[in-house]
């Protein structure tokens, strides 16, 4: 049972890091147009899009990825609580 939690938690962490890398790629010219940028966009954008529709940008600063990462962290905490309850 803990193995399943460890795998799910690791996947959530990897996805969080993918979001962070995707955010940093926006600071580099043409990085998102590269093959790695296109791959990350295909993985990360479907998750970020609902947050971008709900949370407005603050000028040139988009805080929706920060909220999205926080939601992933809360999901990880919820998984931990759920697995502790059943274990």
PDB file of N, CA and C in Angstrom:
ATOM      1  N   UNK A   1       0.829  -1.190   0.000  1.00  0.00           N
ATOM      2  CA  UNK A   1       0.000   0.000   0.000  1.00  0.00           C
ATOM      3  C   UNK A   1       0.878   1.261   0.000  1.00  0.00           C
ATOM      4  N   UNK A   2       1.945   1.251   0.815  1.00  0.00           N
ATOM      5  CA  UNK A   2       2.827   2.421   0.868  1.00  0.00           C
ATOM      6  C   UNK A   2       3.610   2.580  -0.421  1.00  0.00           C
ATOM      7  N   UNK A   3       3.839   1.470  -1.105  1.00  0.00           N
ATOM      8  CA  UNK A   3       4.532   1.545  -2.387  1.00  0.00           C
ATOM      9  C   UNK A   3       3.695   2.345  -3.389  1.00  0.00           C
ATOM     10  N   UNK A   4       2.391   2.114  -3.380  1.00  0.00           N
ATOM     11  CA  UNK A   4       1.508   2.857  -4.273  1.00  0.00           C
ATOM     12  C   UNK A   4       1.522   4.342  -3.940  1.00  0.00           C
ATOM     13  N   UNK A   5       1.493   4.662  -2.652  1.00  0.00           N
ATOM     14  CA  UNK A   5       1.570   6.076  -2.260  1.00  0.00           C
ATOM     15  C   UNK A   5       2.898   6.684  -2.699  1.00  0.00           C
ATOM     16  N   UNK A   6       3.976   5.956  -2.524  1.00  0.00           N
ATOM     17  CA  UNK A   6       5.293   6.468  -2.906  1.00  0.00           C
ATOM     18  C   UNK A   6       5.358   6.751  -4.410  1.00  0.00           C
ATOM     19  N   UNK A   7       4.789   5.856  -5.198  1.00  0.00           N
ATOM     20  CA  UNK A   7       4.780   6.051  -6.648  1.00  0.00           C
ATOM     21  C   UNK A   7       3.942   7.273  -7.021  1.00  0.00           C
ATOM     22  N   UNK A   8       2.731   7.380  -6.452  1.00  0.00           N
ATOM     23  CA  UNK A   8       1.868   8.519  -6.755  1.00  0.00           C
ATOM     24  C   UNK A   8       2.471   9.836  -6.293  1.00  0.00           C
ATOM     25  N   UNK A   9       3.075   9.827  -5.112  1.00  0.00           N
ATOM     26  CA  UNK A   9       3.711  11.034  -4.595  1.00  0.00           C
ATOM     27  C   UNK A   9       4.891  11.445  -5.471  1.00  0.00           C
ATOM     28  N   UNK A  10       5.654  10.476  -5.933  1.00  0.00           N
ATOM     29  CA  UNK A  10       6.787  10.771  -6.810  1.00  0.00           C
ATOM     30  C   UNK A  10       6.308  11.354  -8.144  1.00  0.00           C
ATOM     31  N   UNK A  11       5.220  10.809  -8.670  1.00  0.00           N
ATOM     32  CA  UNK A  11       4.673  11.338  -9.923  1.00  0.00           C
ATOM     33  C   UNK A  11       4.185  12.775  -9.756  1.00  0.00           C
ATOM     34  N   UNK A  12       3.561  13.075  -8.624  1.00  0.00           N
ATOM     35  CA  UNK A  12       3.124  14.447  -8.366  1.00  0.00           C
ATOM     36  C   UNK A  12       4.317  15.389  -8.241  1.00  0.00           C
ATOM     37  N   UNK A  13       5.379  14.931  -7.616  1.00  0.00           N
ATOM     38  CA  UNK A  13       6.587  15.753  -7.496  1.00  0.00           C
ATOM     39  C   UNK A  13       7.237  15.995  -8.851  1.00  0.00           C
ATOM     40  N   UNK A  14       7.314  14.957  -9.660  1.00  0.00           N
ATOM     41  CA  UNK A  14       7.889  15.103 -11.002  1.00  0.00           C
ATOM     42  C   UNK A  14       7.062  16.078 -11.823  1.00  0.00           C
ATOM     43  N   UNK A  15       5.733  15.984 -11.707  1.00  0.00           N
ATOM     44  CA  UNK A  15       4.863  16.891 -12.448  1.00  0.00           C
ATOM     45  C   UNK A  15       5.043  18.333 -11.967  1.00  0.00           C
ATOM     46  N   UNK A  16       5.227  18.511 -10.660  1.00  0.00           N
ATOM     47  CA  UNK A  16       5.487  19.853 -10.122  1.00  0.00           C
ATOM     48  C   UNK A  16       6.783  20.417 -10.694  1.00  0.00           C
ATOM     49  N   UNK A  17       7.812  19.589 -10.768  1.00  0.00           N
ATOM     50  CA  UNK A  17       9.076  20.039 -11.339  1.00  0.00           C
ATOM     51  C   UNK A  17       8.930  20.349 -12.824  1.00  0.00           C
ATOM     52  N   UNK A  18       8.093  19.589 -13.533  1.00  0.00           N
ATOM     53  CA  UNK A  18       7.853  19.869 -14.949  1.00  0.00           C
ATOM     54  C   UNK A  18       7.195  21.236 -15.116  1.00  0.00           C
ATOM     55  N   UNK A  19       6.285  21.571 -14.217  1.00  0.00           N
ATOM     56  CA  UNK A  19       5.640  22.895 -14.260  1.00  0.00           C
ATOM     57  C   UNK A  19       6.672  23.985 -14.007  1.00  0.00           C
ATOM     58  N   UNK A  20       7.533  23.779 -13.029  1.00  0.00           N
ATOM     59  CA  UNK A  20       8.563  24.771 -12.694  1.00  0.00           C
ATOM     60  C   UNK A  20       9.514  24.969 -13.879  1.00  0.00           C
ATOM     61  N   UNK A  21       9.939  23.883 -14.500  1.00  0.00           N
ATOM     62  CA  UNK A  21      10.824  23.989 -15.662  1.00  0.00           C
ATOM     63  C   UNK A  21      10.124  24.727 -16.794  1.00  0.00           C
ATOM     64  N   UNK A  22       8.847  24.426 -16.992  1.00  0.00           N
ATOM     65  CA  UNK A  22       8.075  25.093 -18.046  1.00  0.00           C
ATOM     66  C   UNK A  22       7.956  26.593 -17.776  1.00  0.00           C
ATOM     67  N   UNK A  23       7.794  26.959 -16.528  1.00  0.00           N
ATOM     68  CA  UNK A  23       7.732  28.380 -16.156  1.00  0.00           C
ATOM     69  C   UNK A  23       9.063  29.061 -16.458  1.00  0.00           C
ATOM     70  N   UNK A  24      10.162  28.436 -16.063  1.00  0.00           N
ATOM     71  CA  UNK A  24      11.473  29.032 -16.308  1.00  0.00           C
ATOM     72  C   UNK A  24      11.793  29.120 -17.803  1.00  0.00           C
ATOM     73  N   UNK A  25      11.237  28.223 -18.590  1.00  0.00           N
ATOM     74  CA  UNK A  25      11.479  28.266 -20.032  1.00  0.00           C
ATOM     75  C   UNK A  25      10.874  29.524 -20.659  1.00  0.00           C
ATOM     76  N   UNK A  26       9.869  30.091 -19.999  1.00  0.00           N
ATOM     77  CA  UNK A  26       9.269  31.316 -20.547  1.00  0.00           C
ATOM     78  C   UNK A  26      10.224  32.506 -20.434  1.00  0.00           C
ATOM     79  N   UNK A  27      11.225  32.401 -19.591  1.00  0.00           N
ATOM     80  CA  UNK A  27      12.190  33.479 -19.434  1.00  0.00           C
ATOM     81  C   UNK A  27      13.262  33.452 -20.517  1.00  0.00           C
ATOM     82  N   UNK A  28      13.406  32.317 -21.182  1.00  0.00           N
ATOM     83  CA  UNK A  28      14.436  32.168 -22.210  1.00  0.00           C
ATOM     84  C   UNK A  28      13.809  32.333 -23.594  1.00  0.00           C
ATOM     85  N   UNK A  29      14.432  33.113 -24.453  1.00  0.00           N
ATOM     86  CA  UNK A  29      13.860  33.319 -25.789  1.00  0.00           C
ATOM     87  C   UNK A  29      13.822  32.009 -26.587  1.00  0.00           C
ATOM     88  N   UNK A  30      12.689  31.734 -27.182  1.00  0.00           N
ATOM     89  CA  UNK A  30      12.461  30.586 -28.053  1.00  0.00           C
ATOM     90  C   UNK A  30      12.629  29.229 -27.379  1.00  0.00           C
ATOM     91  N   UNK A  31      12.673  29.184 -26.070  1.00  0.00           N
ATOM     92  CA  UNK A  31      12.835  27.894 -25.389  1.00  0.00           C
ATOM     93  C   UNK A  31      11.568  27.056 -25.491  1.00  0.00           C
ATOM     94  N   UNK A  32      10.415  27.702 -25.457  1.00  0.00           N
ATOM     95  CA  UNK A  32       9.164  26.948 -25.539  1.00  0.00           C
ATOM     96  C   UNK A  32       8.889  26.432 -26.947  1.00  0.00           C
ATOM     97  N   UNK A  33       9.584  26.973 -27.936  1.00  0.00           N
ATOM     98  CA  UNK A  33       9.408  26.500 -29.306  1.00  0.00           C
ATOM     99  C   UNK A  33      10.311  25.308 -29.616  1.00  0.00           C
ATOM    100  N   UNK A  34      11.222  24.984 -28.704  1.00  0.00           N
ATOM    101  CA  UNK A  34      12.098  23.828 -28.913  1.00  0.00           C
ATOM    102  C   UNK A  34      11.294  22.543 -28.728  1.00  0.00           C
ATOM    103  N   UNK A  35      11.908  21.419 -29.053  1.00  0.00           N
ATOM    104  CA  UNK A  35      11.203  20.141 -28.934  1.00  0.00           C
ATOM    105  C   UNK A  35      10.884  19.820 -27.475  1.00  0.00           C
ATOM    106  N   UNK A  36      11.796  20.159 -26.570  1.00  0.00           N
ATOM    107  CA  UNK A  36      11.543  19.944 -25.139  1.00  0.00           C
ATOM    108  C   UNK A  36      10.423  20.864 -24.661  1.00  0.00           C
ATOM    109  N   UNK A  37      10.438  22.092 -25.123  1.00  0.00           N
ATOM    110  CA  UNK A  37       9.389  23.041 -24.755  1.00  0.00           C
ATOM    111  C   UNK A  37       8.033  22.606 -25.266  1.00  0.00           C
ATOM    112  N   UNK A  38       7.986  22.072 -26.478  1.00  0.00           N
ATOM    113  CA  UNK A  38       6.732  21.572 -27.047  1.00  0.00           C
ATOM    114  C   UNK A  38       6.225  20.367 -26.250  1.00  0.00           C
ATOM    115  N   UNK A  39       7.146  19.486 -25.854  1.00  0.00           N
ATOM    116  CA  UNK A  39       6.768  18.323 -25.063  1.00  0.00           C
ATOM    117  C   UNK A  39       6.205  18.745 -23.712  1.00  0.00           C
ATOM    118  N   UNK A  40       6.905  19.660 -23.039  1.00  0.00           N
ATOM    119  CA  UNK A  40       6.421  20.143 -21.746  1.00  0.00           C
ATOM    120  C   UNK A  40       5.100  20.882 -21.881  1.00  0.00           C
ATOM    121  N   UNK A  41       4.938  21.632 -22.949  1.00  0.00           N
ATOM    122  CA  UNK A  41       3.673  22.338 -23.169  1.00  0.00           C
ATOM    123  C   UNK A  41       2.523  21.349 -23.315  1.00  0.00           C
ATOM    124  N   UNK A  42       2.748  20.269 -24.020  1.00  0.00           N
ATOM    125  CA  UNK A  42       1.715  19.260 -24.185  1.00  0.00           C
ATOM    126  C   UNK A  42       1.339  18.570 -22.885  1.00  0.00           C
ATOM    127  N   UNK A  43       2.296  18.482 -21.972  1.00  0.00           N
ATOM    128  CA  UNK A  43       2.046  17.823 -20.686  1.00  0.00           C
ATOM    129  C   UNK A  43       1.469  18.788 -19.660  1.00  0.00           C
ATOM    130  N   UNK A  44       1.983  20.017 -19.624  1.00  0.00           N
ATOM    131  CA  UNK A  44       1.656  20.953 -18.547  1.00  0.00           C
ATOM    132  C   UNK A  44       0.467  21.856 -18.871  1.00  0.00           C
ATOM    133  N   UNK A  45       0.345  22.303 -20.103  1.00  0.00           N
ATOM    134  CA  UNK A  45      -0.712  23.267 -20.457  1.00  0.00           C
ATOM    135  C   UNK A  45      -2.134  22.776 -20.176  1.00  0.00           C
ATOM    136  N   UNK A  46      -2.474  21.508 -20.436  1.00  0.00           N
ATOM    137  CA  UNK A  46      -3.851  21.090 -20.112  1.00  0.00           C
ATOM    138  C   UNK A  46      -4.189  21.224 -18.625  1.00  0.00           C
ATOM    139  N   UNK A  47      -3.200  21.066 -17.762  1.00  0.00           N
ATOM    140  CA  UNK A  47      -3.426  21.228 -16.322  1.00  0.00           C
ATOM    141  C   UNK A  47      -3.481  22.700 -15.931  1.00  0.00           C
ATOM    142  N   UNK A  48      -2.643  23.529 -16.550  1.00  0.00           N
ATOM    143  CA  UNK A  48      -2.586  24.945 -16.185  1.00  0.00           C
ATOM    144  C   UNK A  48      -3.749  25.763 -16.742  1.00  0.00           C
ATOM    145  N   UNK A  49      -4.336  25.318 -17.843  1.00  0.00           N
ATOM    146  CA  UNK A  49      -5.378  26.098 -18.517  1.00  0.00           C
ATOM    147  C   UNK A  49      -6.570  26.431 -17.617  1.00  0.00           C
ATOM    148  N   UNK A  50      -7.131  25.498 -16.853  1.00  0.00           N
ATOM    149  CA  UNK A  50      -8.254  25.882 -15.973  1.00  0.00           C
ATOM    150  C   UNK A  50      -7.870  26.928 -14.934  1.00  0.00           C
ATOM    151  N   UNK A  51      -6.645  26.847 -14.426  1.00  0.00           N
ATOM    152  CA  UNK A  51      -6.189  27.834 -13.444  1.00  0.00           C
ATOM    153  C   UNK A  51      -6.041  29.209 -14.094  1.00  0.00           C
ATOM    154  N   UNK A  52      -5.586  29.237 -15.334  1.00  0.00           N
ATOM    155  CA  UNK A  52      -5.422  30.518 -16.034  1.00  0.00           C
ATOM    156  C   UNK A  52      -6.771  31.170 -16.335  1.00  0.00           C
ATOM    157  N   UNK A  53      -7.813  30.364 -16.544  1.00  0.00           N
ATOM    158  CA  UNK A  53      -9.142  30.932 -16.788  1.00  0.00           C
ATOM    159  C   UNK A  53      -9.731  31.521 -15.518  1.00  0.00           C
ATOM    160  N   UNK A  54      -9.405  30.938 -14.365  1.00  0.00           N
ATOM    161  CA  UNK A  54      -9.977  31.385 -13.087  1.00  0.00           C
ATOM    162  C   UNK A  54      -9.181  32.537 -12.482  1.00  0.00           C
ATOM    163  N   UNK A  55      -7.854  32.423 -12.514  1.00  0.00           N
ATOM    164  CA  UNK A  55      -6.985  33.386 -11.839  1.00  0.00           C
ATOM    165  C   UNK A  55      -6.465  34.404 -12.845  1.00  0.00           C
ATOM    166  N   UNK A  56      -6.778  35.678 -12.654  1.00  0.00           N
ATOM    167  CA  UNK A  56      -6.287  36.686 -13.602  1.00  0.00           C
ATOM    168  C   UNK A  56      -4.791  36.968 -13.390  1.00  0.00           C
ATOM    169  N   UNK A  57      -4.141  37.405 -14.453  1.00  0.00           N
ATOM    170  CA  UNK A  57      -2.733  37.783 -14.352  1.00  0.00           C
ATOM    171  C   UNK A  57      -2.611  39.104 -13.608  1.00  0.00           C
ATOM    172  N   UNK A  58      -1.508  39.258 -12.916  1.00  0.00           N
ATOM    173  CA  UNK A  58      -1.201  40.512 -12.231  1.00  0.00           C
ATOM    174  C   UNK A  58      -0.211  41.272 -13.097  1.00  0.00           C
ATOM    175  N   UNK A  59      -0.724  41.985 -14.062  1.00  0.00           N
ATOM    176  CA  UNK A  59       0.150  42.677 -15.011  1.00  0.00           C
ATOM    177  C   UNK A  59       0.807  41.650 -15.908  1.00  0.00           C
ATOM    178  N   UNK A  60       2.134  41.590 -15.859  1.00  0.00           N
ATOM    179  CA  UNK A  60       2.862  40.607 -16.649  1.00  0.00           C
ATOM    180  C   UNK A  60       3.176  39.347 -15.857  1.00  0.00           C
ATOM    181  N   UNK A  61       2.714  39.270 -14.624  1.00  0.00           N
ATOM    182  CA  UNK A  61       3.004  38.130 -13.768  1.00  0.00           C
ATOM    183  C   UNK A  61       1.804  37.192 -13.737  1.00  0.00           C
ATOM    184  N   UNK A  62       2.035  35.949 -14.095  1.00  0.00           N
ATOM    185  CA  UNK A  62       1.000  34.922 -14.087  1.00  0.00           C
ATOM    186  C   UNK A  62       1.207  34.059 -12.846  1.00  0.00           C
ATOM    187  N   UNK A  63       0.297  34.165 -11.880  1.00  0.00           N
ATOM    188  CA  UNK A  63       0.447  33.400 -10.640  1.00  0.00           C
ATOM    189  C   UNK A  63      -0.296  32.068 -10.685  1.00  0.00           C
ATOM    190  N   UNK A  64      -0.971  31.767 -11.780  1.00  0.00           N
ATOM    191  CA  UNK A  64      -1.723  30.517 -11.862  1.00  0.00           C
ATOM    192  C   UNK A  64      -0.828  29.272 -11.728  1.00  0.00           C
ATOM    193  N   UNK A  65       0.414  29.245 -12.248  1.00  0.00           N
ATOM    194  CA  UNK A  65       1.242  28.053 -12.020  1.00  0.00           C
ATOM    195  C   UNK A  65       1.574  27.839 -10.541  1.00  0.00           C
ATOM    196  N   UNK A  66       1.704  28.918  -9.793  1.00  0.00           N
ATOM    197  CA  UNK A  66       1.988  28.780  -8.366  1.00  0.00           C
ATOM    198  C   UNK A  66       0.801  28.125  -7.670  1.00  0.00           C
ATOM    199  N   UNK A  67      -0.395  28.573  -8.010  1.00  0.00           N
ATOM    200  CA  UNK A  67      -1.603  27.986  -7.427  1.00  0.00           C
ATOM    201  C   UNK A  67      -1.732  26.530  -7.864  1.00  0.00           C
ATOM    202  N   UNK A  68      -1.413  26.238  -9.111  1.00  0.00           N
ATOM    203  CA  UNK A  68      -1.490  24.867  -9.612  1.00  0.00           C
ATOM    204  C   UNK A  68      -0.530  23.945  -8.860  1.00  0.00           C
ATOM    205  N   UNK A  69       0.672  24.430  -8.578  1.00  0.00           N
ATOM    206  CA  UNK A  69       1.636  23.631  -7.817  1.00  0.00           C
ATOM    207  C   UNK A  69       1.147  23.441  -6.385  1.00  0.00           C
ATOM    208  N   UNK A  70       0.561  24.465  -5.789  1.00  0.00           N
ATOM    209  CA  UNK A  70       0.003  24.322  -4.439  1.00  0.00           C
ATOM    210  C   UNK A  70      -1.114  23.285  -4.407  1.00  0.00           C
ATOM    211  N   UNK A  71      -1.934  23.250  -5.441  1.00  0.00           N
ATOM    212  CA  UNK A  71      -3.000  22.243  -5.513  1.00  0.00           C
ATOM    213  C   UNK A  71      -2.391  20.841  -5.587  1.00  0.00           C
ATOM    214  N   UNK A  72      -1.308  20.687  -6.338  1.00  0.00           N
ATOM    215  CA  UNK A  72      -0.628  19.391  -6.382  1.00  0.00           C
ATOM    216  C   UNK A  72      -0.081  19.007  -5.013  1.00  0.00           C
ATOM    217  N   UNK A  73       0.470  19.968  -4.288  1.00  0.00           N
ATOM    218  CA  UNK A  73       0.988  19.680  -2.943  1.00  0.00           C
ATOM    219  C   UNK A  73      -0.143  19.291  -1.987  1.00  0.00           C
ATOM    220  N   UNK A  74      -1.287  19.986  -2.078  1.00  0.00           N
ATOM    221  CA  UNK A  74      -2.440  19.625  -1.252  1.00  0.00           C
ATOM    222  C   UNK A  74      -2.958  18.234  -1.624  1.00  0.00           C
ATOM    223  N   UNK A  75      -2.918  17.897  -2.902  1.00  0.00           N
ATOM    224  CA  UNK A  75      -3.333  16.560  -3.333  1.00  0.00           C
ATOM    225  C   UNK A  75      -2.406  15.500  -2.759  1.00  0.00           C
ATOM    226  N   UNK A  76      -1.121  15.798  -2.725  1.00  0.00           N
ATOM    227  CA  UNK A  76      -0.159  14.869  -2.140  1.00  0.00           C
ATOM    228  C   UNK A  76      -0.436  14.683  -0.648  1.00  0.00           C
ATOM    229  N   UNK A  77      -0.726  15.773   0.049  1.00  0.00           N
ATOM    230  CA  UNK A  77      -1.054  15.677   1.480  1.00  0.00           C
ATOM    231  C   UNK A  77      -2.341  14.894   1.691  1.00  0.00           C
ATOM    232  N   UNK A  78      -3.313  15.106   0.813  1.00  0.00           N
ATOM    233  CA  UNK A  78      -4.564  14.361   0.900  1.00  0.00           C
ATOM    234  C   UNK A  78      -4.359  12.873   0.650  1.00  0.00           C
ATOM    235  N   UNK A  79      -3.491  12.543  -0.306  1.00  0.00           N
ATOM    236  CA  UNK A  79      -3.167  11.136  -0.554  1.00  0.00           C
ATOM    237  C   UNK A  79      -2.516  10.504   0.664  1.00  0.00           C
ATOM    238  N   UNK A  80      -1.608  11.227   1.289  1.00  0.00           N
ATOM    239  CA  UNK A  80      -0.943  10.713   2.478  1.00  0.00           C
ATOM    240  C   UNK A  80      -1.956  10.439   3.577  1.00  0.00           C
ATOM    241  N   UNK A  81      -2.864  11.377   3.799  1.00  0.00           N
ATOM    242  CA  UNK A  81      -3.891  11.184   4.824  1.00  0.00           C
ATOM    243  C   UNK A  81      -4.792  10.000   4.479  1.00  0.00           C
ATOM    244  N   UNK A  82      -5.129   9.864   3.214  1.00  0.00           N
ATOM    245  CA  UNK A  82      -5.984   8.763   2.779  1.00  0.00           C
ATOM    246  C   UNK A  82      -5.296   7.417   2.966  1.00  0.00           C
ATOM    247  N   UNK A  83      -4.044   7.343   2.598  1.00  0.00           N
ATOM    248  CA  UNK A  83      -3.312   6.077   2.755  1.00  0.00           C
ATOM    249  C   UNK A  83      -3.057   5.764   4.219  1.00  0.00           C
ATOM    250  N   UNK A  84      -2.843   6.766   5.054  1.00  0.00           N
ATOM    251  CA  UNK A  84      -2.688   6.511   6.493  1.00  0.00           C
ATOM    252  C   UNK A  84      -3.989   6.003   7.101  1.00  0.00           C
ATOM    253  N   UNK A  85      -5.107   6.491   6.596  1.00  0.00           N
ATOM    254  CA  UNK A  85      -6.400   6.071   7.121  1.00  0.00           C
ATOM    255  C   UNK A  85      -6.665   4.609   6.789  1.00  0.00           C
ATOM    256  N   UNK A  86      -6.256   4.172   5.591  1.00  0.00           N
ATOM    257  CA  UNK A  86      -6.508   2.789   5.185  1.00  0.00           C
ATOM    258  C   UNK A  86      -5.421   1.826   5.608  1.00  0.00           C
ATOM    259  N   UNK A  87      -4.280   2.329   6.034  1.00  0.00           N
ATOM    260  CA  UNK A  87      -3.175   1.437   6.413  1.00  0.00           C
ATOM    261  C   UNK A  87      -3.256   0.994   7.857  1.00  0.00           C
TER     262      UNK A  87
END
